[in-house]
């Protein structure tokens, strides 16, 4: 099931806020903090966690 998030305005930009539960889940799975996210756009927006090295 997809997670639906609203865009929020920050200054002249827009942002998507990631759910805390999503971050906690992936950090527990890897045992590492999420450092950044990888964003891929190819007719579909895909966001994946990038863990600290």
N, C-alpha and C. Protein backbone atom coordinates (compact mmCIF):
# COMPACT_ATOMS: atom_id res chain seq x y z
N UNK A 1 0.84 -1.16 0.00
CA UNK A 1 0.00 0.00 0.00
C UNK A 1 0.90 1.24 0.00
N UNK A 2 0.67 2.17 -0.89
CA UNK A 2 1.50 3.38 -0.93
C UNK A 2 1.22 4.30 0.26
N UNK A 3 2.23 5.04 0.65
CA UNK A 3 2.06 6.07 1.68
C UNK A 3 1.85 7.39 0.95
N UNK A 4 0.76 8.06 1.23
CA UNK A 4 0.45 9.32 0.56
C UNK A 4 0.89 10.46 1.47
N UNK A 5 1.71 11.36 0.94
CA UNK A 5 2.21 12.51 1.70
C UNK A 5 1.85 13.79 0.94
N UNK A 6 1.58 14.84 1.63
CA UNK A 6 1.29 16.13 1.01
C UNK A 6 2.59 16.91 0.83
N UNK A 7 2.60 17.77 -0.17
CA UNK A 7 3.71 18.69 -0.36
C UNK A 7 3.50 19.86 0.59
N UNK A 8 4.60 20.33 1.21
CA UNK A 8 4.51 21.52 2.04
C UNK A 8 5.41 22.59 1.43
N UNK A 9 5.06 23.84 1.66
CA UNK A 9 5.83 24.94 1.10
C UNK A 9 6.86 25.39 2.14
N UNK A 10 8.11 25.50 1.69
CA UNK A 10 9.20 26.02 2.51
C UNK A 10 9.86 27.11 1.68
N UNK A 11 9.60 28.36 2.05
CA UNK A 11 10.10 29.48 1.24
C UNK A 11 9.47 29.42 -0.14
N UNK A 12 10.33 29.41 -1.19
CA UNK A 12 9.82 29.32 -2.56
C UNK A 12 9.90 27.90 -3.10
N UNK A 13 10.20 26.95 -2.23
CA UNK A 13 10.29 25.54 -2.64
C UNK A 13 9.16 24.74 -2.03
N UNK A 14 9.09 23.50 -2.42
CA UNK A 14 8.14 22.56 -1.82
C UNK A 14 8.91 21.35 -1.33
N UNK A 15 8.38 20.68 -0.32
CA UNK A 15 9.07 19.54 0.28
C UNK A 15 8.07 18.44 0.62
N UNK A 16 8.59 17.24 0.75
CA UNK A 16 7.83 16.09 1.23
C UNK A 16 8.50 15.69 2.54
N UNK A 17 7.74 15.59 3.60
CA UNK A 17 8.27 15.19 4.90
C UNK A 17 8.08 13.69 5.04
N UNK A 18 9.16 12.99 5.41
CA UNK A 18 9.10 11.54 5.57
C UNK A 18 8.56 11.18 6.96
N UNK A 19 7.74 10.16 7.04
CA UNK A 19 7.19 9.76 8.34
C UNK A 19 8.29 9.24 9.27
N UNK A 20 8.22 9.61 10.55
CA UNK A 20 9.20 9.17 11.54
C UNK A 20 9.23 7.64 11.61
N UNK A 21 8.08 7.00 11.53
CA UNK A 21 8.01 5.54 11.58
C UNK A 21 8.80 4.89 10.46
N UNK A 22 8.80 5.49 9.27
CA UNK A 22 9.55 4.98 8.12
C UNK A 22 11.04 5.04 8.42
N UNK A 23 11.48 6.19 8.94
CA UNK A 23 12.90 6.35 9.28
C UNK A 23 13.31 5.37 10.37
N UNK A 24 12.51 5.27 11.43
CA UNK A 24 12.83 4.34 12.52
C UNK A 24 12.91 2.90 12.03
N UNK A 25 11.97 2.48 11.20
CA UNK A 25 11.94 1.11 10.68
C UNK A 25 13.23 0.78 9.93
N UNK A 26 13.62 1.63 8.98
CA UNK A 26 14.79 1.34 8.17
C UNK A 26 16.09 1.44 8.97
N UNK A 27 16.14 2.34 9.95
CA UNK A 27 17.33 2.43 10.79
C UNK A 27 17.47 1.18 11.65
N UNK A 28 16.37 0.64 12.14
CA UNK A 28 16.42 -0.61 12.93
C UNK A 28 16.86 -1.78 12.04
N UNK A 29 16.36 -1.83 10.80
CA UNK A 29 16.70 -2.91 9.89
C UNK A 29 18.20 -2.96 9.61
N UNK A 30 18.82 -1.79 9.41
CA UNK A 30 20.24 -1.71 9.05
C UNK A 30 21.15 -1.57 10.26
N UNK A 31 20.61 -1.13 11.39
CA UNK A 31 21.43 -0.87 12.56
C UNK A 31 22.29 0.36 12.39
N UNK A 32 21.91 1.24 11.46
CA UNK A 32 22.67 2.46 11.18
C UNK A 32 21.68 3.61 10.99
N UNK A 33 22.16 4.83 11.20
CA UNK A 33 21.35 6.03 10.97
C UNK A 33 21.25 6.32 9.48
N UNK A 34 20.11 6.83 9.06
CA UNK A 34 19.94 7.28 7.68
C UNK A 34 20.63 8.63 7.55
N UNK A 35 21.58 8.71 6.63
CA UNK A 35 22.35 9.92 6.41
C UNK A 35 21.68 10.83 5.38
N UNK A 36 21.07 10.23 4.38
CA UNK A 36 20.43 10.97 3.29
C UNK A 36 19.46 10.02 2.61
N UNK A 37 18.77 10.50 1.60
CA UNK A 37 17.90 9.64 0.79
C UNK A 37 18.32 9.74 -0.67
N UNK A 38 18.10 8.66 -1.38
CA UNK A 38 18.37 8.62 -2.82
C UNK A 38 17.03 8.86 -3.50
N UNK A 39 16.99 9.82 -4.41
CA UNK A 39 15.76 10.13 -5.12
C UNK A 39 15.97 9.84 -6.60
N UNK A 40 15.11 9.01 -7.15
CA UNK A 40 15.17 8.66 -8.57
C UNK A 40 13.86 9.07 -9.22
N UNK A 41 13.95 9.76 -10.31
CA UNK A 41 12.76 10.19 -11.04
C UNK A 41 12.83 9.65 -12.46
N UNK A 42 11.93 8.75 -12.77
CA UNK A 42 11.85 8.18 -14.11
C UNK A 42 10.37 7.87 -14.35
N UNK A 43 9.60 8.94 -14.53
CA UNK A 43 8.14 8.86 -14.65
C UNK A 43 7.50 8.39 -13.35
N UNK A 44 8.34 8.18 -12.31
CA UNK A 44 7.86 7.74 -11.01
C UNK A 44 8.90 8.19 -9.99
N UNK A 45 8.46 8.79 -8.90
CA UNK A 45 9.37 9.26 -7.86
C UNK A 45 9.65 8.10 -6.90
N UNK A 46 10.92 7.75 -6.75
CA UNK A 46 11.32 6.68 -5.84
C UNK A 46 12.29 7.27 -4.83
N UNK A 47 12.03 7.03 -3.53
CA UNK A 47 12.89 7.53 -2.47
C UNK A 47 13.39 6.33 -1.66
N UNK A 48 14.71 6.20 -1.52
CA UNK A 48 15.30 5.10 -0.76
C UNK A 48 16.29 5.66 0.25
N UNK A 49 16.46 4.98 1.40
CA UNK A 49 17.40 5.47 2.39
C UNK A 49 18.85 5.25 1.98
N UNK A 50 19.73 6.17 2.38
CA UNK A 50 21.17 6.02 2.21
C UNK A 50 21.76 6.06 3.61
N UNK A 51 22.38 4.97 4.03
CA UNK A 51 22.86 4.85 5.40
C UNK A 51 24.27 5.38 5.56
N UNK A 52 24.59 5.84 6.78
CA UNK A 52 25.94 6.34 7.04
C UNK A 52 26.94 5.22 6.82
N UNK A 53 28.09 5.57 6.38
CA UNK A 53 29.12 4.57 6.04
C UNK A 53 29.85 4.09 7.26
